[in-house]
Protein backbone atom coordinates (compact mmCIF):
# COMPACT_ATOMS: atom_id res chain seq x y z
CA MET A 1 -136.12 -12.81 -23.61
CA ARG A 2 -138.93 -11.69 -25.79
CA MET A 3 -137.26 -13.44 -28.62
CA HIS A 4 -137.02 -16.30 -27.38
CA ARG A 5 -140.97 -16.38 -26.11
CA VAL A 6 -141.84 -15.81 -29.56
CA VAL A 7 -140.00 -18.86 -30.60
CA ARG A 8 -141.81 -20.83 -28.45
CA ARG A 9 -144.96 -19.94 -29.61
CA LEU A 10 -144.27 -19.56 -32.89
CA LEU A 11 -142.67 -23.30 -33.56
CA PRO A 12 -144.77 -26.33 -32.28
CA PRO A 13 -146.91 -24.89 -35.06
CA SER A 14 -144.64 -25.00 -37.76
CA VAL A 15 -146.77 -25.81 -39.93
CA ALA A 16 -148.11 -22.41 -39.75
CA VAL A 17 -144.97 -20.92 -40.11
CA ILE A 18 -144.51 -23.17 -43.40
CA ALA A 19 -148.10 -21.78 -44.90
CA PHE A 20 -147.47 -18.36 -44.06
CA TRP A 21 -143.93 -18.45 -46.33
CA ALA A 22 -145.32 -20.87 -48.83
CA GLN A 23 -147.72 -18.53 -50.67
CA TYR A 24 -144.67 -16.63 -52.22
CA ALA A 25 -142.99 -18.57 -54.80
CA LEU A 26 -139.99 -16.21 -54.79
CA ALA A 27 -136.84 -17.75 -56.40
CA THR A 28 -133.78 -17.06 -53.92
CA PRO A 29 -130.21 -16.03 -55.03
CA PHE A 30 -127.73 -18.70 -54.04
CA LEU A 31 -124.01 -18.63 -54.76
CA THR A 32 -122.54 -21.49 -56.01
CA GLY A 33 -119.31 -22.82 -54.62
CA GLY A 34 -116.75 -25.81 -55.49
CA PHE A 35 -116.03 -28.95 -54.13
CA VAL A 36 -115.72 -29.31 -50.14
CA VAL A 37 -113.49 -32.09 -50.29
CA ASN A 38 -110.22 -32.31 -52.97
CA PRO A 39 -108.83 -33.92 -54.72
CA ALA A 40 -112.71 -34.56 -56.06
CA LEU A 41 -112.41 -38.26 -57.14
CA SER A 42 -113.44 -39.20 -60.62
CA PHE A 43 -116.16 -41.47 -62.35
CA SER A 44 -118.11 -42.22 -65.65
CA VAL A 45 -121.76 -42.68 -65.03
CA GLY A 46 -124.66 -43.33 -67.40
CA SER A 47 -127.59 -42.59 -68.12
CA PRO A 48 -126.87 -39.64 -68.51
CA GLY A 49 -123.71 -40.04 -69.38
CA TYR A 50 -121.06 -38.02 -67.43
CA SER A 51 -117.36 -38.33 -66.77
CA GLY A 52 -115.86 -36.15 -64.56
CA PRO A 53 -115.52 -35.66 -60.63
CA ALA A 54 -117.93 -36.21 -57.75
CA GLY A 55 -118.96 -35.34 -54.59
CA GLY A 56 -120.37 -32.40 -52.29
CA PHE A 57 -120.22 -28.52 -52.87
CA SER A 58 -120.40 -25.52 -50.35
CA GLY A 59 -121.75 -22.50 -50.91
CA ILE A 60 -123.94 -19.46 -50.07
CA TRP A 61 -127.58 -18.68 -49.92
CA ASP A 62 -129.53 -15.25 -48.99
CA PRO A 63 -132.56 -15.86 -47.91
CA THR A 64 -133.17 -12.42 -46.89
CA PRO A 65 -130.99 -9.56 -48.07
CA GLY A 66 -127.28 -9.85 -46.11
CA ALA A 67 -127.87 -13.37 -44.57
CA ASN A 68 -125.14 -15.26 -46.64
CA ILE A 69 -125.62 -18.65 -44.97
CA PRO A 70 -123.13 -21.13 -45.78
CA ILE A 71 -124.63 -24.38 -46.84
CA ASP A 72 -123.79 -27.67 -48.15
CA TYR A 73 -125.44 -29.18 -51.86
CA TRP A 74 -125.21 -31.89 -53.60
CA CYS A 75 -125.72 -32.64 -57.68
CA PHE A 76 -129.23 -34.10 -58.65
CA ASP A 77 -128.93 -33.28 -62.14
CA LEU A 78 -126.92 -34.67 -64.95
CA GLU A 79 -128.81 -33.33 -67.27
CA HIS A 80 -127.51 -29.17 -66.87
CA THR A 81 -124.31 -27.69 -65.97
CA PHE A 82 -123.49 -24.70 -63.59
CA ASP A 83 -120.64 -22.75 -63.13
CA PRO A 84 -118.63 -22.43 -59.89
CA GLY A 85 -118.22 -18.80 -58.30
CA SER A 86 -121.80 -18.08 -60.16
CA THR A 87 -125.04 -16.84 -58.63
CA TYR A 88 -128.09 -18.17 -59.77
CA ASP A 89 -132.02 -18.20 -58.77
CA TYR A 90 -133.41 -21.00 -56.97
CA THR A 91 -136.41 -22.07 -55.38
CA ALA A 92 -137.05 -24.87 -52.66
CA SER A 93 -139.25 -27.30 -51.38
CA ILE A 94 -139.30 -30.53 -49.12
CA LEU A 95 -138.84 -33.50 -51.46
CA ASN A 96 -140.62 -36.57 -50.53
CA ASN A 97 -138.36 -39.38 -51.43
CA PRO A 98 -137.66 -41.82 -48.19
CA ALA A 99 -134.75 -42.96 -50.09
CA LEU A 100 -132.60 -40.25 -50.23
CA SER A 101 -133.39 -39.41 -46.64
CA SER A 102 -132.17 -42.94 -45.65
CA LEU A 103 -129.43 -42.14 -47.76
CA PHE A 104 -128.30 -38.95 -45.92
CA HIS A 105 -129.40 -41.01 -42.74
CA GLU A 106 -126.55 -43.37 -43.36
CA ALA A 107 -123.69 -41.25 -44.61
CA GLY A 108 -124.46 -38.87 -41.33
CA GLY A 109 -125.78 -36.31 -43.50
CA SER A 110 -123.41 -33.78 -45.30
CA ALA A 111 -121.27 -33.70 -42.33
CA GLY A 112 -120.89 -37.04 -41.99
CA ALA A 113 -120.13 -37.37 -45.89
CA LEU A 114 -117.73 -34.40 -46.69
CA THR A 115 -115.03 -35.71 -44.06
CA SER A 116 -113.04 -37.57 -46.86
CA ASN A 117 -113.15 -37.33 -50.92
CA ILE A 118 -113.94 -41.32 -50.59
CA ARG A 119 -117.60 -40.27 -48.32
CA SER A 120 -118.31 -37.38 -50.58
CA ALA A 121 -117.65 -39.22 -53.82
CA ALA A 122 -119.87 -42.28 -52.37
CA LEU A 123 -122.98 -40.34 -51.34
CA GLN A 124 -122.74 -38.25 -54.66
CA LEU A 125 -123.23 -41.84 -56.73
CA ALA A 126 -125.76 -43.04 -54.42
CA ILE A 127 -127.98 -40.03 -55.09
CA TRP A 128 -127.71 -40.26 -59.01
CA GLU A 129 -128.67 -43.87 -58.61
CA ILE A 130 -131.77 -43.09 -56.44
CA LYS A 131 -132.40 -39.89 -58.88
CA TYR A 132 -131.99 -41.86 -62.14
CA ASP A 133 -132.86 -45.95 -60.83
CA ASN A 134 -134.62 -47.94 -58.76
CA ASP A 135 -132.79 -51.09 -58.50
CA HIS A 136 -130.74 -49.26 -56.01
CA ASN A 137 -127.05 -50.89 -57.73
CA LEU A 138 -124.20 -49.20 -59.61
CA ALA A 139 -123.98 -52.45 -61.42
CA THR A 140 -127.14 -52.90 -62.85
CA GLY A 141 -129.85 -51.47 -64.36
CA SER A 142 -130.80 -48.09 -66.35
CA PHE A 143 -128.01 -45.94 -64.78
CA GLN A 144 -124.48 -47.70 -64.09
CA ALA A 145 -121.26 -46.57 -62.74
CA ALA A 146 -117.90 -47.81 -64.28
CA LEU A 147 -116.28 -50.06 -61.90
CA PRO A 148 -112.99 -48.24 -61.03
CA GLY A 149 -109.47 -50.44 -61.51
CA GLY A 150 -108.51 -49.75 -57.85
CA GLY A 151 -107.36 -46.73 -54.85
CA ASP A 152 -109.84 -44.31 -53.77
CA GLU A 153 -112.64 -44.37 -56.51
CA LEU A 154 -112.84 -47.78 -55.82
CA ALA A 155 -113.16 -47.49 -52.28
CA ALA A 156 -116.09 -44.86 -52.98
CA TYR A 157 -118.02 -47.35 -55.10
CA ASN A 158 -117.91 -49.99 -52.83
CA LEU A 159 -118.97 -47.46 -49.63
CA ALA A 160 -121.59 -46.10 -52.59
CA GLN A 161 -123.09 -49.48 -52.75
CA THR A 162 -122.68 -50.78 -49.24
CA TRP A 163 -125.43 -47.64 -48.26
CA LEU A 164 -127.42 -48.21 -51.23
CA ALA A 165 -127.92 -52.04 -50.21
CA GLY A 166 -128.65 -50.93 -46.46
CA LEU A 167 -131.27 -48.49 -47.74
CA GLY A 168 -134.24 -50.68 -46.67
CA GLY A 169 -132.86 -50.88 -43.22
CA ALA A 170 -132.08 -47.48 -42.65
CA PRO A 171 -134.79 -44.79 -40.83
CA ALA A 172 -135.92 -42.01 -43.31
CA ASP A 173 -135.15 -39.39 -40.87
CA TYR A 174 -133.65 -36.27 -42.98
CA VAL A 175 -135.16 -33.54 -44.35
CA ILE A 176 -134.43 -33.51 -48.02
CA VAL A 177 -134.82 -30.23 -49.81
CA LEU A 178 -134.61 -29.68 -53.72
CA LEU A 179 -133.07 -26.12 -54.88
CA ALA A 180 -134.66 -26.25 -58.59
CA SER A 181 -133.16 -23.76 -61.09
CA THR A 182 -135.37 -20.87 -62.39
CA SER A 183 -132.59 -19.27 -64.46
CA ASP A 184 -132.93 -18.98 -68.20
CA PRO A 185 -131.18 -21.45 -69.34
CA GLN A 186 -131.64 -23.85 -66.50
CA HIS A 187 -128.74 -24.44 -64.60
CA GLN A 188 -128.03 -28.19 -61.94
CA ASN A 189 -130.62 -28.76 -59.61
CA PHE A 190 -129.04 -29.50 -56.30
CA ILE A 191 -130.45 -31.20 -52.69
CA THR A 192 -129.44 -30.73 -49.56
CA ASP A 193 -130.55 -31.91 -45.56
CA PHE A 194 -131.44 -30.77 -42.44
CA ALA A 195 -131.25 -33.34 -39.73
CA ILE A 196 -134.46 -32.32 -38.04
CA PRO A 197 -136.29 -35.12 -37.02
CA GLU A 198 -139.04 -32.94 -35.55
CA LEU A 199 -139.47 -30.64 -38.20
CA ARG A 200 -139.40 -33.51 -40.57
CA ARG A 201 -142.72 -34.74 -38.49
CA ASP A 202 -144.63 -30.99 -39.61
CA LEU A 203 -143.38 -31.08 -43.07
CA PRO A 204 -146.29 -31.01 -45.46
CA GLU A 205 -144.58 -33.04 -48.52
CA PRO A 206 -144.38 -32.21 -51.27
CA SER A 207 -144.15 -28.49 -49.71
CA SER A 208 -143.29 -25.73 -52.55
CA LEU A 209 -141.68 -23.11 -50.01
CA PRO A 210 -138.90 -20.57 -51.03
CA LEU A 211 -135.52 -20.56 -49.39
CA VAL A 212 -136.57 -18.31 -46.99
CA GLY A 213 -139.18 -19.74 -45.65
CA ILE A 214 -136.88 -23.03 -44.66
CA ALA A 215 -134.57 -20.42 -43.23
CA MET A 216 -137.07 -19.16 -41.01
CA VAL A 217 -138.52 -22.74 -39.88
CA VAL A 218 -135.18 -23.80 -39.24
CA THR A 219 -134.04 -20.83 -37.35
CA LEU A 220 -136.69 -21.24 -34.83
CA PHE A 221 -135.88 -24.65 -34.54
CA PHE A 222 -132.21 -23.84 -33.61
CA HIS A 223 -133.65 -21.04 -31.13
CA ARG A 224 -135.79 -23.35 -29.32
CA ARG A 225 -132.90 -26.59 -29.48
CA GLY A 226 -130.48 -23.83 -28.49
CA ARG A 227 -132.73 -23.04 -24.90
CA ARG A 228 -133.78 -26.59 -24.30
CA GLU A 229 -130.02 -27.27 -24.25
CA ALA A 230 -128.90 -25.01 -22.05
CA ASN A 231 -131.12 -25.62 -19.32
CA PRO A 232 -130.61 -29.93 -19.25
CA PHE A 233 -133.60 -29.86 -16.60
CA GLN A 234 -135.97 -29.21 -19.06
CA ARG A 235 -135.30 -32.23 -20.87
CA SER A 236 -137.14 -34.48 -18.38
CA VAL A 237 -140.20 -31.89 -19.15
CA ARG A 238 -142.08 -31.15 -22.06
CA ARG A 239 -143.84 -28.35 -21.23
CA LEU A 240 -143.25 -26.33 -17.58
CA PRO A 241 -146.41 -24.78 -16.25
CA ARG A 242 -146.61 -20.93 -16.31
């Protein structure tokens, strides 16, 4: 009960929580993993040039010793590589990119995109398009993906194009977090997402903070939401008198 009181006091001024943790520019261990949905579909893209599988990954990050929190993530960097199963140091920051936020909304977040290898590959293709080009079209511009001949690859390509074409009408209500490699040599950068509109409104953007900061704020949010949903009568009352 005491924990719940602390959570209720701390979460509304979440900016203060972030500001506290943001002063620690600490790298956090991140255990990379493999593709969530297999088999991953393959594509040829450029520029930067890449030919191989595309899709979402799963990993384990450790914002505090022993936390071992599973997280789904996406490649945000074609200039570097990483070895799945290896642990690297990463810092985190809130990425101020409305197009990416809208894209994750269209895909239903990582959870929605990882329901099939078609949706998983489509989201990864669209992420690369937004990162490396500004025309939101895989068939034109400085970044392009070769048109697949058919099958699931073509279905993924077409779905990515559909999502990219719809960016203007989709709300930007997903928090996008950039995981930046601090290893030497540098490894691939990643992004992940949180579908938390309440948190999104309070986050300074861009905001440099370690993964531990994000973990704390997200944990506090879910504690508050869990308490509210456990009592449906509180949903219609913003703040009960004490």
